[in-house]
Amino acid sequence: MLERSSGGGGLGAYGEPVRAGSGAEQAVLGDAGMSATQPAAVAYVALAVEDTEQASAALAGPLGLRRTLLESEADGPVTAFAVGASAVALFPLGHALLGEGGSSAGVHHLALASADPEAAAAATGLPRTGGPARGLAGRRAVAIEPSATEGVRLRYSEPLELEPTAAPLVERIDHLGVASADTAAAVALFHDRLGFPLESRQTDREVHVPIESFTSDKYGVVYHSRAPLQRGALEVAFVTVGDFELEFLCDADAVAAAGKRSGSEAGSTQQDRGAISRFVERRGPGLHHLALKTPAMEAALQALREAGVPLIDEAGRPGSRRAQIAFLEREALGGVVMHLVEREPL
């Protein structure tokens, strides 16, 4: 089902009015003008996609999310999906509202919700890319200079206020992966300066233990293990924004030769580290992937398979924070890297 929403008001996902600028301000904590007792809210996550219809079909069909068509004053409407307390918006490549970096598929920017985007942006003390403007669905929006936010394209926008969708296979956004050049600097900005809660830190390591065998027709078989060898490592920090986390991932072994990365096994820490390192080398630090939290991994994968959505992982595999994860092929979401997460709360 597809609902349509106009720029100045219109209808949300369940036909409820969409009101620009209403609701309590929820920008960032501390100096950015938000109460420390209330978590920051996310207006939406912007995806730049090669094929909006294909990407919409993957989210709306097998995963059961409901589409809302949001009017735009530039380059036509944008399809959005309410996901938990946040939303995902699909922008075609080159859409005027994307701006810099909008010609490449991927997670483009994160828009924090604020009734007064100009004041919220000014309170951070971070430089802007321009003056007040109209953003998605005609909302006022202000963009922060990405070089000041560790490569994360960050905006403040009036709330979209889409009605949440009851989707049995998707609870919410689990996290946005960020390819980082320095997790300590990212934590210093988003946690220490802007006040977002630091959820956890971890180090992912892939360790190989070489074993030699000596087989003799007289003395039998003797096994000898050598010292463990580290093949890949990622430094990871999770910072909570809205009802999900920013997952900052930094290659802890960036001095490794590119050729050594290329032969790593898919789904391994070495492969993941190589993917993050190559992203930073090509495009610089920035938003890398989208992860959706599911309560039923096998059911979600089965639904995607039956709908013909291409998968990298046919079954869940171990991931961060005691989770099972499964990646979709990039083409499934119009060139955006996306995976599912099933994880029980601690």
C-alpha atoms as a PDB file:
ATOM      1  CA  MET A   1       0.000   0.000   0.000  1.00  0.00           C
ATOM      2  CA  LEU A   2       1.300   3.461  -0.899  1.00  0.00           C
ATOM      3  CA  GLU A   3       0.243   6.628   0.897  1.00  0.00           C
ATOM      4  CA  ARG A   4       1.024  10.091  -0.383  1.00  0.00           C
ATOM      5  CA  SER A   5       2.101  13.049   1.713  1.00  0.00           C
ATOM      6  CA  SER A   6       2.339  16.672   0.620  1.00  0.00           C
ATOM      7  CA  GLY A   7       5.162  19.026   1.547  1.00  0.00           C
ATOM      8  CA  GLY A   8       3.137  21.262   3.842  1.00  0.00           C
ATOM      9  CA  GLY A   9       1.086  18.591   5.603  1.00  0.00           C
ATOM     10  CA  GLY A  10      -0.731  15.710   3.951  1.00  0.00           C
ATOM     11  CA  LEU A  11      -1.070  12.152   5.192  1.00  0.00           C
ATOM     12  CA  GLY A  12       1.370   9.811   6.873  1.00  0.00           C
ATOM     13  CA  ALA A  13       1.634   6.053   6.577  1.00  0.00           C
ATOM     14  CA  TYR A  14      -1.805   5.400   8.118  1.00  0.00           C
ATOM     15  CA  GLY A  15      -3.568   8.425   6.697  1.00  0.00           C
ATOM     16  CA  GLU A  16      -2.817  10.554   9.775  1.00  0.00           C
ATOM     17  CA  PRO A  17      -1.963  14.215   9.227  1.00  0.00           C
ATOM     18  CA  VAL A  18       1.719  14.996   8.757  1.00  0.00           C
ATOM     19  CA  ARG A  19       2.409  18.318  10.493  1.00  0.00           C
ATOM     20  CA  ALA A  20       5.573  20.243   9.746  1.00  0.00           C
ATOM     21  CA  GLY A  21       7.484  21.445  12.775  1.00  0.00           C
ATOM     22  CA  SER A  22       5.218  20.042  15.509  1.00  0.00           C
ATOM     23  CA  GLY A  23       6.316  18.052  18.540  1.00  0.00           C
ATOM     24  CA  ALA A  24       8.939  18.664  21.188  1.00  0.00           C
ATOM     25  CA  GLU A  25      12.404  19.532  20.039  1.00  0.00           C
ATOM     26  CA  GLN A  26      14.714  16.533  19.990  1.00  0.00           C
ATOM     27  CA  ALA A  27      18.061  17.525  18.549  1.00  0.00           C
ATOM     28  CA  VAL A  28      21.117  16.449  20.527  1.00  0.00           C
ATOM     29  CA  LEU A  29      21.986  16.541  24.197  1.00  0.00           C
ATOM     30  CA  GLY A  30      23.578  19.254  26.266  1.00  0.00           C
ATOM     31  CA  ASP A  31      24.620  22.435  24.458  1.00  0.00           C
ATOM     32  CA  ALA A  32      22.568  21.585  21.369  1.00  0.00           C
ATOM     33  CA  GLY A  33      19.388  22.502  23.219  1.00  0.00           C
ATOM     34  CA  MET A  34      17.821  19.186  24.164  1.00  0.00           C
ATOM     35  CA  SER A  35      16.844  17.825  27.544  1.00  0.00           C
ATOM     36  CA  ALA A  36      19.338  15.265  28.806  1.00  0.00           C
ATOM     37  CA  THR A  37      16.440  13.146  30.083  1.00  0.00           C
ATOM     38  CA  GLN A  38      15.067  12.542  26.587  1.00  0.00           C
ATOM     39  CA  PRO A  39      16.971  10.697  23.840  1.00  0.00           C
ATOM     40  CA  ALA A  40      17.651  12.421  20.552  1.00  0.00           C
ATOM     41  CA  ALA A  41      15.139  11.650  17.816  1.00  0.00           C
ATOM     42  CA  VAL A  42      15.975  10.834  14.206  1.00  0.00           C
ATOM     43  CA  ALA A  43      13.842  12.340  11.457  1.00  0.00           C
ATOM     44  CA  TYR A  44      15.080   9.934   8.801  1.00  0.00           C
ATOM     45  CA  VAL A  45      18.049   8.102   7.289  1.00  0.00           C
ATOM     46  CA  ALA A  46      18.654   9.007   3.641  1.00  0.00           C
ATOM     47  CA  LEU A  47      19.672   6.313   1.152  1.00  0.00           C
ATOM     48  CA  ALA A  48      20.920   7.209  -2.326  1.00  0.00           C
ATOM     49  CA  VAL A  49      19.737   4.314  -4.502  1.00  0.00           C
ATOM     50  CA  GLU A  50      20.207   3.278  -8.111  1.00  0.00           C
ATOM     51  CA  ASP A  51      16.677   1.902  -8.484  1.00  0.00           C
ATOM     52  CA  THR A  52      14.034   3.226  -6.090  1.00  0.00           C
ATOM     53  CA  GLU A  53      11.367   0.768  -7.224  1.00  0.00           C
ATOM     54  CA  GLN A  54      13.603  -2.247  -6.700  1.00  0.00           C
ATOM     55  CA  ALA A  55      14.732  -1.007  -3.297  1.00  0.00           C
ATOM     56  CA  SER A  56      11.149  -0.200  -2.288  1.00  0.00           C
ATOM     57  CA  ALA A  57      10.014  -3.664  -3.327  1.00  0.00           C
ATOM     58  CA  ALA A  58      12.608  -5.307  -1.064  1.00  0.00           C
ATOM     59  CA  LEU A  59      11.467  -3.305   1.954  1.00  0.00           C
ATOM     60  CA  ALA A  60       7.730  -3.255   1.293  1.00  0.00           C
ATOM     61  CA  GLY A  61       7.172  -6.778   0.019  1.00  0.00           C
ATOM     62  CA  PRO A  62       9.004  -9.464   2.006  1.00  0.00           C
ATOM     63  CA  LEU A  63       9.827  -7.260   5.015  1.00  0.00           C
ATOM     64  CA  GLY A  64       6.353  -5.740   5.272  1.00  0.00           C
ATOM     65  CA  LEU A  65       7.254  -2.058   5.675  1.00  0.00           C
ATOM     66  CA  ARG A  66       4.709   0.453   4.389  1.00  0.00           C
ATOM     67  CA  ARG A  67       5.595   3.092   1.814  1.00  0.00           C
ATOM     68  CA  THR A  68       4.803   6.768   2.165  1.00  0.00           C
ATOM     69  CA  LEU A  69       5.361   9.125  -0.760  1.00  0.00           C
ATOM     70  CA  LEU A  70       6.764  12.442   0.448  1.00  0.00           C
ATOM     71  CA  GLU A  71       6.543  15.457  -1.797  1.00  0.00           C
ATOM     72  CA  SER A  72       9.707  17.359  -2.576  1.00  0.00           C
ATOM     73  CA  GLU A  73      10.160  20.858  -3.902  1.00  0.00           C
ATOM     74  CA  ALA A  74      13.075  19.622  -5.997  1.00  0.00           C
ATOM     75  CA  ASP A  75      13.401  16.625  -8.314  1.00  0.00           C
ATOM     76  CA  GLY A  76      10.105  14.986  -7.444  1.00  0.00           C
ATOM     77  CA  PRO A  77       8.733  12.886  -4.551  1.00  0.00           C
ATOM     78  CA  VAL A  78      10.749  10.593  -2.301  1.00  0.00           C
ATOM     79  CA  THR A  79       9.618   7.203  -0.973  1.00  0.00           C
ATOM     80  CA  ALA A  80       9.916   6.805   2.804  1.00  0.00           C
ATOM     81  CA  PHE A  81       9.360   3.953   5.246  1.00  0.00           C
ATOM     82  CA  ALA A  82       8.660   4.363   8.956  1.00  0.00           C
ATOM     83  CA  VAL A  83      11.035   1.958  10.746  1.00  0.00           C
ATOM     84  CA  GLY A  84      10.632   1.867  14.515  1.00  0.00           C
ATOM     85  CA  ALA A  85      10.808   5.412  15.837  1.00  0.00           C
ATOM     86  CA  SER A  86      12.793   6.540  12.784  1.00  0.00           C
ATOM     87  CA  ALA A  87      12.381   6.398   9.013  1.00  0.00           C
ATOM     88  CA  VAL A  88      14.309   5.393   5.903  1.00  0.00           C
ATOM     89  CA  ALA A  89      13.990   7.612   2.813  1.00  0.00           C
ATOM     90  CA  LEU A  90      14.962   6.408  -0.679  1.00  0.00           C
ATOM     91  CA  PHE A  91      16.401   9.128  -2.909  1.00  0.00           C
ATOM     92  CA  PRO A  92      17.227   8.461  -6.569  1.00  0.00           C
ATOM     93  CA  LEU A  93      20.853   9.142  -7.445  1.00  0.00           C
ATOM     94  CA  GLY A  94      21.497  12.809  -8.133  1.00  0.00           C
ATOM     95  CA  HIS A  95      18.366  14.037  -6.358  1.00  0.00           C
ATOM     96  CA  ALA A  96      18.721  17.752  -5.572  1.00  0.00           C
ATOM     97  CA  LEU A  97      18.095  17.243  -1.838  1.00  0.00           C
ATOM     98  CA  LEU A  98      21.119  14.946  -1.556  1.00  0.00           C
ATOM     99  CA  GLY A  99      23.713  17.474  -2.573  1.00  0.00           C
ATOM    100  CA  GLU A 100      27.373  16.452  -2.343  1.00  0.00           C
ATOM    101  CA  GLY A 101      27.952  12.721  -2.742  1.00  0.00           C
ATOM    102  CA  GLY A 102      24.462  12.136  -4.092  1.00  0.00           C
ATOM    103  CA  SER A 103      25.661  10.547  -7.306  1.00  0.00           C
ATOM    104  CA  SER A 104      27.004   7.438  -5.531  1.00  0.00           C
ATOM    105  CA  ALA A 105      24.762   4.722  -4.086  1.00  0.00           C
ATOM    106  CA  GLY A 106      24.885   4.231  -0.329  1.00  0.00           C
ATOM    107  CA  VAL A 107      23.743   5.574   3.010  1.00  0.00           C
ATOM    108  CA  HIS A 108      23.907   9.310   2.335  1.00  0.00           C
ATOM    109  CA  HIS A 109      22.956  11.289   5.441  1.00  0.00           C
ATOM    110  CA  LEU A 110      21.398  11.166   8.880  1.00  0.00           C
ATOM    111  CA  ALA A 111      18.755  13.784   9.711  1.00  0.00           C
ATOM    112  CA  LEU A 112      18.166  14.525  13.396  1.00  0.00           C
ATOM    113  CA  ALA A 113      14.698  15.801  14.303  1.00  0.00           C
ATOM    114  CA  SER A 114      14.330  19.310  15.695  1.00  0.00           C
ATOM    115  CA  ALA A 115      11.448  21.786  15.792  1.00  0.00           C
ATOM    116  CA  ASP A 116      14.064  24.497  15.188  1.00  0.00           C
ATOM    117  CA  PRO A 117      16.823  23.072  12.941  1.00  0.00           C
ATOM    118  CA  GLU A 118      18.656  26.393  12.671  1.00  0.00           C
ATOM    119  CA  ALA A 119      18.959  26.786  16.438  1.00  0.00           C
ATOM    120  CA  ALA A 120      19.898  23.147  16.954  1.00  0.00           C
ATOM    121  CA  ALA A 121      22.641  23.333  14.334  1.00  0.00           C
ATOM    122  CA  ALA A 122      23.953  26.607  15.751  1.00  0.00           C
ATOM    123  CA  ALA A 123      24.072  25.136  19.266  1.00  0.00           C
ATOM    124  CA  THR A 124      26.542  22.453  18.169  1.00  0.00           C
ATOM    125  CA  GLY A 125      29.101  25.067  17.169  1.00  0.00           C
ATOM    126  CA  LEU A 126      29.855  23.031  14.039  1.00  0.00           C
ATOM    127  CA  PRO A 127      30.138  24.710  10.614  1.00  0.00           C
ATOM    128  CA  ARG A 128      27.227  24.428   8.190  1.00  0.00           C
ATOM    129  CA  THR A 129      27.276  23.781   4.494  1.00  0.00           C
ATOM    130  CA  GLY A 130      24.764  26.576   3.854  1.00  0.00           C
ATOM    131  CA  GLY A 131      21.921  28.640   5.264  1.00  0.00           C
ATOM    132  CA  PRO A 132      18.359  27.556   6.152  1.00  0.00           C
ATOM    133  CA  ALA A 133      16.687  25.544   3.409  1.00  0.00           C
ATOM    134  CA  ARG A 134      13.717  23.350   2.697  1.00  0.00           C
ATOM    135  CA  GLY A 135      14.407  19.655   2.928  1.00  0.00           C
ATOM    136  CA  LEU A 136      12.418  16.436   2.674  1.00  0.00           C
ATOM    137  CA  ALA A 137       8.623  16.946   2.579  1.00  0.00           C
ATOM    138  CA  GLY A 138       9.151  20.696   2.678  1.00  0.00           C
ATOM    139  CA  ARG A 139      10.616  20.633   6.190  1.00  0.00           C
ATOM    140  CA  ARG A 140      13.160  23.226   7.217  1.00  0.00           C
ATOM    141  CA  ALA A 141      16.597  21.617   7.245  1.00  0.00           C
ATOM    142  CA  VAL A 142      20.204  22.563   7.955  1.00  0.00           C
ATOM    143  CA  ALA A 143      23.238  20.524   6.863  1.00  0.00           C
ATOM    144  CA  ILE A 144      26.467  20.317   8.866  1.00  0.00           C
ATOM    145  CA  GLU A 145      29.842  20.289   7.132  1.00  0.00           C
ATOM    146  CA  PRO A 146      30.882  16.580   6.881  1.00  0.00           C
ATOM    147  CA  SER A 147      34.547  17.340   7.512  1.00  0.00           C
ATOM    148  CA  ALA A 148      33.529  18.462  11.009  1.00  0.00           C
ATOM    149  CA  THR A 149      31.614  15.259  11.828  1.00  0.00           C
ATOM    150  CA  GLU A 150      34.182  12.546  11.075  1.00  0.00           C
ATOM    151  CA  GLY A 151      32.707  12.108   7.586  1.00  0.00           C
ATOM    152  CA  VAL A 152      29.117  11.513   8.762  1.00  0.00           C
ATOM    153  CA  ARG A 153      26.749  13.666   6.710  1.00  0.00           C
ATOM    154  CA  LEU A 154      24.564  15.129   9.433  1.00  0.00           C
ATOM    155  CA  ARG A 155      21.479  17.322   9.105  1.00  0.00           C
ATOM    156  CA  TYR A 156      18.854  18.811  11.369  1.00  0.00           C
ATOM    157  CA  SER A 157      15.311  18.654  10.061  1.00  0.00           C
ATOM    158  CA  GLU A 158      11.822  19.322  11.291  1.00  0.00           C
ATOM    159  CA  PRO A 159      10.164  15.987  12.160  1.00  0.00           C
ATOM    160  CA  LEU A 160       8.445  13.966   9.457  1.00  0.00           C
ATOM    161  CA  GLU A 161       6.102  12.346  11.996  1.00  0.00           C
ATOM    162  CA  LEU A 162       5.308   9.259   9.966  1.00  0.00           C
ATOM    163  CA  GLU A 163       3.010   6.803  11.687  1.00  0.00           C
ATOM    164  CA  PRO A 164       5.016   3.733  12.803  1.00  0.00           C
ATOM    165  CA  THR A 165       4.413   0.581  10.799  1.00  0.00           C
ATOM    166  CA  ALA A 166       3.593  -2.719  12.461  1.00  0.00           C
ATOM    167  CA  ALA A 167       6.011  -4.982  10.553  1.00  0.00           C
ATOM    168  CA  PRO A 168       6.446  -8.459  12.074  1.00  0.00           C
ATOM    169  CA  LEU A 169       9.854  -8.996  10.473  1.00  0.00           C
ATOM    170  CA  VAL A 170      11.431  -5.584  11.194  1.00  0.00           C
ATOM    171  CA  GLU A 171      11.432  -4.024  14.666  1.00  0.00           C
ATOM    172  CA  ARG A 172      13.552  -0.944  13.973  1.00  0.00           C
ATOM    173  CA  ILE A 173      16.861   0.221  12.564  1.00  0.00           C
ATOM    174  CA  ASP A 174      19.566  -1.606  14.529  1.00  0.00           C
ATOM    175  CA  HIS A 175      22.481   0.595  13.506  1.00  0.00           C
ATOM    176  CA  LEU A 176      24.135   2.614  10.784  1.00  0.00           C
ATOM    177  CA  GLY A 177      27.658   1.420  10.055  1.00  0.00           C
ATOM    178  CA  VAL A 178      30.240   4.177   9.709  1.00  0.00           C
ATOM    179  CA  ALA A 179      33.586   3.555   8.019  1.00  0.00           C
ATOM    180  CA  SER A 180      35.863   5.478  10.359  1.00  0.00           C
ATOM    181  CA  ALA A 181      39.472   6.562  10.207  1.00  0.00           C
ATOM    182  CA  ASP A 182      39.619   7.121  13.968  1.00  0.00           C
ATOM    183  CA  THR A 183      37.006   5.741  16.390  1.00  0.00           C
ATOM    184  CA  ALA A 184      38.489   7.726  19.280  1.00  0.00           C
ATOM    185  CA  ALA A 185      37.910  10.991  17.395  1.00  0.00           C
ATOM    186  CA  ALA A 186      34.376   9.890  16.491  1.00  0.00           C
ATOM    187  CA  VAL A 187      33.570   9.142  20.144  1.00  0.00           C
ATOM    188  CA  ALA A 188      35.100  12.461  21.202  1.00  0.00           C
ATOM    189  CA  LEU A 189      32.759  14.301  18.837  1.00  0.00           C
ATOM    190  CA  PHE A 190      29.484  12.392  19.071  1.00  0.00           C
ATOM    191  CA  HIS A 191      29.703  11.356  22.744  1.00  0.00           C
ATOM    192  CA  ASP A 192      31.958  13.846  24.525  1.00  0.00           C
ATOM    193  CA  ARG A 193      30.943  16.975  22.593  1.00  0.00           C
ATOM    194  CA  LEU A 194      27.423  16.340  21.308  1.00  0.00           C
ATOM    195  CA  GLY A 195      26.372  14.176  24.231  1.00  0.00           C
ATOM    196  CA  PHE A 196      25.062  11.050  22.541  1.00  0.00           C
ATOM    197  CA  PRO A 197      25.307   8.006  24.847  1.00  0.00           C
ATOM    198  CA  LEU A 198      28.242   5.651  24.300  1.00  0.00           C
ATOM    199  CA  GLU A 199      26.581   2.226  24.134  1.00  0.00           C
ATOM    200  CA  SER A 200      29.702   0.043  24.031  1.00  0.00           C
ATOM    201  CA  ARG A 201      33.133  -0.532  22.519  1.00  0.00           C
ATOM    202  CA  GLN A 202      34.673  -3.709  21.180  1.00  0.00           C
ATOM    203  CA  THR A 203      37.565  -5.087  19.154  1.00  0.00           C
ATOM    204  CA  ASP A 204      36.928  -7.695  16.456  1.00  0.00           C
ATOM    205  CA  ARG A 205      39.915  -9.918  15.722  1.00  0.00           C
ATOM    206  CA  GLU A 206      40.402 -12.815  13.350  1.00  0.00           C
ATOM    207  CA  VAL A 207      43.165 -15.103  14.654  1.00  0.00           C
ATOM    208  CA  HIS A 208      44.608 -18.083  12.796  1.00  0.00           C
ATOM    209  CA  VAL A 209      46.525 -20.833  14.563  1.00  0.00           C
ATOM    210  CA  PRO A 210      48.928 -22.609  12.172  1.00  0.00           C
ATOM    211  CA  ILE A 211      49.269 -26.343  12.843  1.00  0.00           C
ATOM    212  CA  GLU A 212      51.998 -28.540  11.366  1.00  0.00           C
ATOM    213  CA  SER A 213      51.691 -32.302  11.123  1.00  0.00           C
ATOM    214  CA  PHE A 214      54.610 -34.778  10.924  1.00  0.00           C
ATOM    215  CA  THR A 215      53.475 -38.154   9.587  1.00  0.00           C
ATOM    216  CA  SER A 216      55.838 -41.128   9.684  1.00  0.00           C
ATOM    217  CA  ASP A 217      55.333 -44.771   8.802  1.00  0.00           C
ATOM    218  CA  LYS A 218      57.313 -45.649  11.930  1.00  0.00           C
ATOM    219  CA  TYR A 219      56.660 -42.862  14.456  1.00  0.00           C
ATOM    220  CA  GLY A 220      53.063 -42.061  13.636  1.00  0.00           C
ATOM    221  CA  VAL A 221      51.585 -38.557  13.447  1.00  0.00           C
ATOM    222  CA  VAL A 222      52.756 -35.607  15.514  1.00  0.00           C
ATOM    223  CA  TYR A 223      50.954 -32.260  15.490  1.00  0.00           C
ATOM    224  CA  HIS A 224      52.677 -29.012  16.377  1.00  0.00           C
ATOM    225  CA  SER A 225      50.919 -25.655  16.754  1.00  0.00           C
ATOM    226  CA  ARG A 226      52.681 -22.380  16.104  1.00  0.00           C
ATOM    227  CA  ALA A 227      51.989 -19.007  17.681  1.00  0.00           C
ATOM    228  CA  PRO A 228      48.591 -17.490  16.698  1.00  0.00           C
ATOM    229  CA  LEU A 229      48.614 -15.049  13.766  1.00  0.00           C
ATOM    230  CA  GLN A 230      46.277 -12.064  13.621  1.00  0.00           C
ATOM    231  CA  ARG A 231      44.718 -11.764  10.146  1.00  0.00           C
ATOM    232  CA  GLY A 232      42.389  -8.844  10.686  1.00  0.00           C
ATOM    233  CA  ALA A 233      41.117  -6.510  13.377  1.00  0.00           C
ATOM    234  CA  LEU A 234      38.478  -3.813  13.690  1.00  0.00           C
ATOM    235  CA  GLU A 235      38.117  -1.252  16.458  1.00  0.00           C
ATOM    236  CA  VAL A 236      34.399  -0.605  16.994  1.00  0.00           C
ATOM    237  CA  ALA A 237      32.414   1.950  19.003  1.00  0.00           C
ATOM    238  CA  PHE A 238      28.619   2.167  19.268  1.00  0.00           C
ATOM    239  CA  VAL A 239      26.995   5.555  19.945  1.00  0.00           C
ATOM    240  CA  THR A 240      23.222   5.709  20.460  1.00  0.00           C
ATOM    241  CA  VAL A 241      21.227   8.135  18.315  1.00  0.00           C
ATOM    242  CA  GLY A 242      17.441   7.947  18.522  1.00  0.00           C
ATOM    243  CA  ASP A 243      16.367   4.307  18.775  1.00  0.00           C
ATOM    244  CA  PHE A 244      19.491   2.879  17.129  1.00  0.00           C
ATOM    245  CA  GLU A 245      23.281   3.185  17.126  1.00  0.00           C
ATOM    246  CA  LEU A 246      25.993   4.614  14.956  1.00  0.00           C
ATOM    247  CA  GLU A 247      28.562   1.804  14.638  1.00  0.00           C
ATOM    248  CA  PHE A 248      31.981   3.361  14.040  1.00  0.00           C
ATOM    249  CA  LEU A 249      34.327   0.797  12.472  1.00  0.00           C
ATOM    250  CA  CYS A 250      38.033   1.425  12.041  1.00  0.00           C
ATOM    251  CA  ASP A 251      40.586  -0.895  10.432  1.00  0.00           C
ATOM    252  CA  ALA A 252      42.960  -1.627  13.303  1.00  0.00           C
ATOM    253  CA  ASP A 253      45.550  -3.039  10.908  1.00  0.00           C
ATOM    254  CA  ALA A 254      45.487  -0.511   8.089  1.00  0.00           C
ATOM    255  CA  VAL A 255      49.133  -1.209   7.231  1.00  0.00           C
ATOM    256  CA  ALA A 256      48.179  -4.592   5.762  1.00  0.00           C
ATOM    257  CA  ALA A 257      48.842  -4.868   2.039  1.00  0.00           C
ATOM    258  CA  ALA A 258      45.771  -4.572  -0.167  1.00  0.00           C
ATOM    259  CA  GLY A 259      46.627  -7.855  -1.823  1.00  0.00           C
ATOM    260  CA  LYS A 260      46.408  -9.689   1.481  1.00  0.00           C
ATOM    261  CA  ARG A 261      42.889  -8.394   2.016  1.00  0.00           C
ATOM    262  CA  SER A 262      41.527  -9.447  -1.340  1.00  0.00           C
ATOM    263  CA  GLY A 263      41.806 -13.178  -0.733  1.00  0.00           C
ATOM    264  CA  SER A 264      39.976 -13.222   2.590  1.00  0.00           C
ATOM    265  CA  GLU A 265      36.934 -15.385   3.128  1.00  0.00           C
ATOM    266  CA  ALA A 266      33.543 -13.678   2.782  1.00  0.00           C
ATOM    267  CA  GLY A 267      31.937 -13.053   6.132  1.00  0.00           C
ATOM    268  CA  SER A 268      35.191 -13.054   8.091  1.00  0.00           C
ATOM    269  CA  THR A 269      36.642 -10.266  10.245  1.00  0.00           C
ATOM    270  CA  GLN A 270      39.491  -9.967   7.737  1.00  0.00           C
ATOM    271  CA  GLN A 271      37.002  -9.432   4.908  1.00  0.00           C
ATOM    272  CA  ASP A 272      35.005  -6.910   6.947  1.00  0.00           C
ATOM    273  CA  ARG A 273      38.152  -5.008   7.877  1.00  0.00           C
ATOM    274  CA  GLY A 274      39.231  -4.922   4.241  1.00  0.00           C
ATOM    275  CA  ALA A 275      35.828  -3.585   3.159  1.00  0.00           C
ATOM    276  CA  ILE A 276      36.013  -0.741   5.684  1.00  0.00           C
ATOM    277  CA  SER A 277      39.620   0.077   4.789  1.00  0.00           C
ATOM    278  CA  ARG A 278      38.881   0.174   1.050  1.00  0.00           C
ATOM    279  CA  PHE A 279      35.832   2.393   1.607  1.00  0.00           C
ATOM    280  CA  VAL A 280      37.915   4.920   3.552  1.00  0.00           C
ATOM    281  CA  GLU A 281      40.660   4.810   0.918  1.00  0.00           C
ATOM    282  CA  ARG A 282      38.215   5.439  -1.950  1.00  0.00           C
ATOM    283  CA  ARG A 283      35.633   7.768  -0.437  1.00  0.00           C
ATOM    284  CA  GLY A 284      36.975   8.878   2.928  1.00  0.00           C
ATOM    285  CA  PRO A 285      35.239   8.274   6.277  1.00  0.00           C
ATOM    286  CA  GLY A 286      31.468   8.181   6.143  1.00  0.00           C
ATOM    287  CA  LEU A 287      28.218   6.259   6.429  1.00  0.00           C
ATOM    288  CA  HIS A 288      28.750   2.750   5.113  1.00  0.00           C
ATOM    289  CA  HIS A 289      25.765   0.468   5.691  1.00  0.00           C
ATOM    290  CA  LEU A 290      22.255   0.103   7.089  1.00  0.00           C
ATOM    291  CA  ALA A 291      21.251  -2.680   9.495  1.00  0.00           C
ATOM    292  CA  LEU A 292      17.638  -3.556  10.305  1.00  0.00           C
ATOM    293  CA  LYS A 293      16.739  -5.410  13.498  1.00  0.00           C
ATOM    294  CA  THR A 294      14.546  -8.468  13.030  1.00  0.00           C
ATOM    295  CA  PRO A 295      12.999 -10.682  15.701  1.00  0.00           C
ATOM    296  CA  ALA A 296      13.115 -13.711  13.374  1.00  0.00           C
ATOM    297  CA  MET A 297      16.186 -14.040  11.171  1.00  0.00           C
ATOM    298  CA  GLU A 298      15.239 -17.299   9.451  1.00  0.00           C
ATOM    299  CA  ALA A 299      11.731 -16.100   8.685  1.00  0.00           C
ATOM    300  CA  ALA A 300      13.041 -12.810   7.284  1.00  0.00           C
ATOM    301  CA  LEU A 301      15.609 -14.557   5.076  1.00  0.00           C
ATOM    302  CA  GLN A 302      12.993 -17.024   3.858  1.00  0.00           C
ATOM    303  CA  ALA A 303      10.646 -14.176   2.936  1.00  0.00           C
ATOM    304  CA  LEU A 304      13.436 -12.402   1.045  1.00  0.00           C
ATOM    305  CA  ARG A 305      14.399 -15.602  -0.801  1.00  0.00           C
ATOM    306  CA  GLU A 306      10.807 -16.268  -1.826  1.00  0.00           C
ATOM    307  CA  ALA A 307      10.546 -12.706  -3.150  1.00  0.00           C
ATOM    308  CA  GLY A 308      13.688 -13.202  -5.254  1.00  0.00           C
ATOM    309  CA  VAL A 309      15.799 -10.745  -3.250  1.00  0.00           C
ATOM    310  CA  PRO A 310      19.494 -11.691  -3.696  1.00  0.00           C
ATOM    311  CA  LEU A 311      21.323 -12.608  -0.489  1.00  0.00           C
ATOM    312  CA  ILE A 312      24.996 -12.902   0.436  1.00  0.00           C
ATOM    313  CA  ASP A 313      24.277 -14.853   3.619  1.00  0.00           C
ATOM    314  CA  GLU A 314      21.727 -17.648   3.324  1.00  0.00           C
ATOM    315  CA  ALA A 315      21.698 -18.040   7.108  1.00  0.00           C
ATOM    316  CA  GLY A 316      22.632 -15.884  10.064  1.00  0.00           C
ATOM    317  CA  ARG A 317      26.281 -15.740  11.141  1.00  0.00           C
ATOM    318  CA  PRO A 318      27.934 -14.319  14.264  1.00  0.00           C
ATOM    319  CA  GLY A 319      28.156 -10.535  14.436  1.00  0.00           C
ATOM    320  CA  SER A 320      28.823  -7.730  16.890  1.00  0.00           C
ATOM    321  CA  ARG A 321      27.108  -7.539  20.275  1.00  0.00           C
ATOM    322  CA  ARG A 322      26.208 -11.236  20.416  1.00  0.00           C
ATOM    323  CA  ALA A 323      24.083 -10.960  17.291  1.00  0.00           C
ATOM    324  CA  GLN A 324      23.301 -13.070  14.267  1.00  0.00           C
ATOM    325  CA  ILE A 325      23.656 -11.088  11.041  1.00  0.00           C
ATOM    326  CA  ALA A 326      22.949 -11.721   7.359  1.00  0.00           C
ATOM    327  CA  PHE A 327      23.896  -9.456   4.443  1.00  0.00           C
ATOM    328  CA  LEU A 328      21.858  -8.824   1.311  1.00  0.00           C
ATOM    329  CA  GLU A 329      23.535  -8.330  -2.058  1.00  0.00           C
ATOM    330  CA  ARG A 330      24.100  -4.632  -2.800  1.00  0.00           C
ATOM    331  CA  GLU A 331      21.736  -4.778  -5.796  1.00  0.00           C
ATOM    332  CA  ALA A 332      18.840  -5.738  -3.496  1.00  0.00           C
ATOM    333  CA  LEU A 333      18.640  -2.199  -2.100  1.00  0.00           C
ATOM    334  CA  GLY A 334      19.751  -0.246  -5.145  1.00  0.00           C
ATOM    335  CA  GLY A 335      23.477  -0.365  -4.399  1.00  0.00           C
ATOM    336  CA  VAL A 336      23.185   0.198  -0.634  1.00  0.00           C
ATOM    337  CA  VAL A 337      24.965  -2.205   1.725  1.00  0.00           C
ATOM    338  CA  MET A 338      22.346  -3.617   4.109  1.00  0.00           C
ATOM    339  CA  HIS A 339      22.116  -6.494   6.547  1.00  0.00           C
ATOM    340  CA  LEU A 340      19.673  -7.938   9.053  1.00  0.00           C
ATOM    341  CA  VAL A 341      20.415  -8.312  12.759  1.00  0.00           C
ATOM    342  CA  GLU A 342      18.816 -10.616  15.296  1.00  0.00           C
ATOM    343  CA  ARG A 343      19.983  -9.914  18.828  1.00  0.00           C
ATOM    344  CA  GLU A 344      18.524 -10.485  22.245  1.00  0.00           C
ATOM    345  CA  PRO A 345      18.852  -7.559  24.680  1.00  0.00           C
ATOM    346  CA  LEU A 346      21.218  -8.008  27.621  1.00  0.00           C
END
